[in-house]
Amino acid sequence: MENKFKTNDISLAAFLLTQGVNLTDIVAEDKFRFSFLLSDLNKCELLRKQYLNNALAPAQELFSKREMLISEIKQRTKR
């Protein structure tokens, strides 16, 4: 998990995706909780600070990325 950023906050994960960070994996922590692994730890830490300070992101893209993450979680829970 070197140089990977991990979060269980789906909104933060969606924001990071809109900022060009790559999703590397989604990990089931238990039946109802998932964590998102994203590339580039340093970039994610900087962007996380911006997110917490109400950084702007394109709404349509943000919601699209969030829906994509939800869809991926649903796919993984069907397995």
N, C-alpha and C. Protein backbone atom coordinates (compact mmCIF):
# COMPACT_ATOMS: atom_id res chain seq x y z
N MET A 1 0.83 -1.19 0.00
CA MET A 1 0.00 0.00 0.00
C MET A 1 0.88 1.26 0.00
N GLU A 2 2.09 1.10 -0.50
CA GLU A 2 3.00 2.24 -0.58
C GLU A 2 2.46 3.32 -1.48
N ASN A 3 2.63 4.55 -1.04
CA ASN A 3 2.23 5.72 -1.81
C ASN A 3 0.75 5.70 -2.22
N LYS A 4 -0.07 5.03 -1.44
CA LYS A 4 -1.52 5.00 -1.69
C LYS A 4 -2.23 5.78 -0.59
N PHE A 5 -3.29 6.44 -0.97
CA PHE A 5 -4.14 7.17 -0.03
C PHE A 5 -5.37 6.32 0.21
N LYS A 6 -5.76 6.17 1.46
CA LYS A 6 -6.91 5.34 1.82
C LYS A 6 -7.93 6.20 2.55
N THR A 7 -9.19 6.08 2.12
CA THR A 7 -10.28 6.78 2.79
C THR A 7 -11.54 5.94 2.71
N ASN A 8 -12.40 6.08 3.72
CA ASN A 8 -13.71 5.43 3.63
C ASN A 8 -14.80 6.47 3.38
N ASP A 9 -14.41 7.69 3.09
CA ASP A 9 -15.33 8.80 2.79
C ASP A 9 -15.57 8.83 1.28
N ILE A 10 -16.75 8.39 0.87
CA ILE A 10 -17.06 8.30 -0.56
C ILE A 10 -17.08 9.67 -1.23
N SER A 11 -17.49 10.70 -0.51
CA SER A 11 -17.52 12.04 -1.08
C SER A 11 -16.10 12.55 -1.33
N LEU A 12 -15.21 12.30 -0.39
CA LEU A 12 -13.81 12.69 -0.58
C LEU A 12 -13.20 11.91 -1.74
N ALA A 13 -13.48 10.62 -1.81
CA ALA A 13 -12.96 9.81 -2.91
C ALA A 13 -13.45 10.35 -4.25
N ALA A 14 -14.73 10.70 -4.34
CA ALA A 14 -15.28 11.26 -5.58
C ALA A 14 -14.59 12.58 -5.91
N PHE A 15 -14.36 13.41 -4.92
CA PHE A 15 -13.67 14.69 -5.14
C PHE A 15 -12.25 14.43 -5.68
N LEU A 16 -11.54 13.50 -5.08
CA LEU A 16 -10.18 13.21 -5.53
C LEU A 16 -10.17 12.72 -6.97
N LEU A 17 -11.17 11.92 -7.33
CA LEU A 17 -11.26 11.45 -8.72
C LEU A 17 -11.49 12.61 -9.68
N THR A 18 -12.29 13.59 -9.27
CA THR A 18 -12.51 14.76 -10.15
C THR A 18 -11.25 15.58 -10.32
N GLN A 19 -10.31 15.42 -9.39
CA GLN A 19 -9.06 16.17 -9.44
C GLN A 19 -7.95 15.40 -10.16
N GLY A 20 -8.29 14.28 -10.77
CA GLY A 20 -7.34 13.53 -11.58
C GLY A 20 -6.58 12.43 -10.88
N VAL A 21 -6.94 12.13 -9.65
CA VAL A 21 -6.29 11.02 -8.94
C VAL A 21 -6.93 9.72 -9.42
N ASN A 22 -6.13 8.68 -9.51
CA ASN A 22 -6.63 7.38 -9.99
C ASN A 22 -7.06 6.49 -8.83
N LEU A 23 -8.19 5.85 -9.01
CA LEU A 23 -8.66 4.84 -8.05
C LEU A 23 -7.89 3.56 -8.34
N THR A 24 -7.26 3.00 -7.30
CA THR A 24 -6.51 1.78 -7.51
C THR A 24 -7.26 0.55 -7.01
N ASP A 25 -8.12 0.73 -6.00
CA ASP A 25 -8.87 -0.42 -5.50
C ASP A 25 -9.97 0.05 -4.55
N ILE A 26 -10.94 -0.81 -4.36
CA ILE A 26 -11.97 -0.64 -3.33
C ILE A 26 -11.89 -1.89 -2.47
N VAL A 27 -11.73 -1.67 -1.17
CA VAL A 27 -11.52 -2.79 -0.24
C VAL A 27 -12.70 -2.88 0.72
N ALA A 28 -13.27 -4.07 0.84
CA ALA A 28 -14.35 -4.30 1.80
C ALA A 28 -13.74 -4.44 3.18
N GLU A 29 -14.08 -3.52 4.08
CA GLU A 29 -13.60 -3.59 5.45
C GLU A 29 -14.46 -4.56 6.26
N ASP A 30 -15.74 -4.56 5.97
CA ASP A 30 -16.70 -5.54 6.49
C ASP A 30 -17.87 -5.52 5.51
N LYS A 31 -18.98 -6.13 5.89
CA LYS A 31 -20.11 -6.26 4.97
C LYS A 31 -20.68 -4.92 4.51
N PHE A 32 -20.59 -3.89 5.36
CA PHE A 32 -21.23 -2.61 5.06
C PHE A 32 -20.27 -1.44 4.93
N ARG A 33 -18.97 -1.68 5.04
CA ARG A 33 -18.01 -0.59 5.02
C ARG A 33 -16.90 -0.87 4.01
N PHE A 34 -16.61 0.14 3.20
CA PHE A 34 -15.60 0.01 2.17
C PHE A 34 -14.59 1.14 2.29
N SER A 35 -13.38 0.85 1.86
CA SER A 35 -12.34 1.88 1.78
C SER A 35 -11.91 2.01 0.34
N PHE A 36 -11.54 3.21 -0.02
CA PHE A 36 -11.10 3.51 -1.37
C PHE A 36 -9.60 3.76 -1.33
N LEU A 37 -8.86 3.09 -2.20
CA LEU A 37 -7.43 3.29 -2.32
C LEU A 37 -7.18 4.08 -3.59
N LEU A 38 -6.45 5.17 -3.42
CA LEU A 38 -6.18 6.06 -4.55
C LEU A 38 -4.68 6.26 -4.69
N SER A 39 -4.26 6.52 -5.92
CA SER A 39 -2.84 6.72 -6.20
C SER A 39 -2.37 8.07 -5.67
N ASP A 40 -1.08 8.20 -5.52
CA ASP A 40 -0.40 9.46 -5.20
C ASP A 40 -0.79 10.05 -3.84
N LEU A 41 -0.25 9.44 -2.81
CA LEU A 41 -0.52 9.83 -1.43
C LEU A 41 -0.32 11.33 -1.18
N ASN A 42 0.80 11.87 -1.64
CA ASN A 42 1.09 13.28 -1.39
C ASN A 42 0.06 14.22 -2.03
N LYS A 43 -0.29 13.94 -3.27
CA LYS A 43 -1.29 14.76 -3.96
C LYS A 43 -2.63 14.65 -3.24
N CYS A 44 -3.00 13.44 -2.82
CA CYS A 44 -4.27 13.24 -2.13
C CYS A 44 -4.31 13.99 -0.80
N GLU A 45 -3.21 14.00 -0.08
CA GLU A 45 -3.17 14.73 1.19
C GLU A 45 -3.38 16.23 0.96
N LEU A 46 -2.75 16.78 -0.05
CA LEU A 46 -2.94 18.20 -0.38
C LEU A 46 -4.39 18.47 -0.80
N LEU A 47 -4.93 17.61 -1.64
CA LEU A 47 -6.31 17.79 -2.11
C LEU A 47 -7.32 17.59 -0.98
N ARG A 48 -7.00 16.69 -0.04
CA ARG A 48 -7.89 16.48 1.10
C ARG A 48 -8.02 17.76 1.93
N LYS A 49 -6.93 18.46 2.11
CA LYS A 49 -6.97 19.73 2.83
C LYS A 49 -7.84 20.74 2.09
N GLN A 50 -7.71 20.78 0.76
CA GLN A 50 -8.55 21.68 -0.04
C GLN A 50 -10.02 21.29 0.09
N TYR A 51 -10.29 20.00 0.03
CA TYR A 51 -11.67 19.49 0.17
C TYR A 51 -12.27 19.93 1.51
N LEU A 52 -11.49 19.78 2.58
CA LEU A 52 -11.97 20.17 3.91
C LEU A 52 -12.18 21.67 4.05
N ASN A 53 -11.54 22.43 3.17
CA ASN A 53 -11.71 23.88 3.15
C ASN A 53 -12.69 24.32 2.06
N ASN A 54 -13.58 23.42 1.67
CA ASN A 54 -14.65 23.70 0.70
C ASN A 54 -14.14 24.07 -0.69
N ALA A 55 -13.19 23.30 -1.18
CA ALA A 55 -12.70 23.51 -2.55
C ALA A 55 -13.83 23.30 -3.54
N LEU A 56 -13.74 23.99 -4.65
CA LEU A 56 -14.74 23.85 -5.71
C LEU A 56 -14.43 22.65 -6.58
N ALA A 57 -15.49 22.02 -7.05
CA ALA A 57 -15.36 20.91 -8.00
C ALA A 57 -16.58 20.96 -8.91
N PRO A 58 -16.42 20.55 -10.17
CA PRO A 58 -17.56 20.54 -11.09
C PRO A 58 -18.64 19.57 -10.58
N ALA A 59 -19.80 20.10 -10.30
CA ALA A 59 -20.87 19.31 -9.67
C ALA A 59 -21.24 18.07 -10.47
N GLN A 60 -21.42 18.22 -11.76
CA GLN A 60 -21.85 17.08 -12.57
C GLN A 60 -20.81 15.96 -12.53
N GLU A 61 -19.54 16.33 -12.64
CA GLU A 61 -18.47 15.33 -12.60
C GLU A 61 -18.37 14.70 -11.21
N LEU A 62 -18.51 15.53 -10.18
CA LEU A 62 -18.44 15.04 -8.80
C LEU A 62 -19.52 13.99 -8.54
N PHE A 63 -20.75 14.29 -8.92
CA PHE A 63 -21.85 13.35 -8.72
C PHE A 63 -21.69 12.10 -9.59
N SER A 64 -21.16 12.28 -10.78
CA SER A 64 -20.92 11.15 -11.67
C SER A 64 -19.88 10.20 -11.07
N LYS A 65 -18.82 10.75 -10.51
CA LYS A 65 -17.77 9.92 -9.88
C LYS A 65 -18.34 9.21 -8.65
N ARG A 66 -19.16 9.90 -7.88
CA ARG A 66 -19.77 9.28 -6.70
C ARG A 66 -20.67 8.12 -7.11
N GLU A 67 -21.47 8.32 -8.13
CA GLU A 67 -22.34 7.26 -8.62
C GLU A 67 -21.53 6.08 -9.15
N MET A 68 -20.41 6.35 -9.79
CA MET A 68 -19.54 5.30 -10.29
C MET A 68 -19.00 4.47 -9.12
N LEU A 69 -18.60 5.14 -8.04
CA LEU A 69 -18.11 4.42 -6.86
C LEU A 69 -19.20 3.56 -6.23
N ILE A 70 -20.40 4.10 -6.14
CA ILE A 70 -21.53 3.34 -5.59
C ILE A 70 -21.82 2.12 -6.46
N SER A 71 -21.80 2.31 -7.76
CA SER A 71 -22.03 1.21 -8.69
C SER A 71 -20.96 0.13 -8.53
N GLU A 72 -19.72 0.54 -8.37
CA GLU A 72 -18.63 -0.42 -8.20
C GLU A 72 -18.80 -1.20 -6.89
N ILE A 73 -19.21 -0.53 -5.84
CA ILE A 73 -19.45 -1.21 -4.56
C ILE A 73 -20.58 -2.23 -4.71
N LYS A 74 -21.65 -1.85 -5.39
CA LYS A 74 -22.77 -2.78 -5.61
C LYS A 74 -22.33 -3.99 -6.39
N GLN A 75 -21.49 -3.78 -7.40
CA GLN A 75 -20.97 -4.90 -8.20
C GLN A 75 -20.17 -5.86 -7.32
N ARG A 76 -19.36 -5.30 -6.44
CA ARG A 76 -18.50 -6.14 -5.60
C ARG A 76 -19.30 -6.88 -4.53
N THR A 77 -20.42 -6.33 -4.08
CA THR A 77 -21.21 -7.00 -3.05
C THR A 77 -22.06 -8.13 -3.64
N LYS A 78 -22.25 -8.13 -4.94
CA LYS A 78 -23.00 -9.20 -5.62
C LYS A 78 -22.17 -10.46 -5.75
N ARG A 79 -20.86 -10.32 -5.69
CA ARG A 79 -19.96 -11.47 -5.90
C ARG A 79 -20.00 -12.43 -4.76
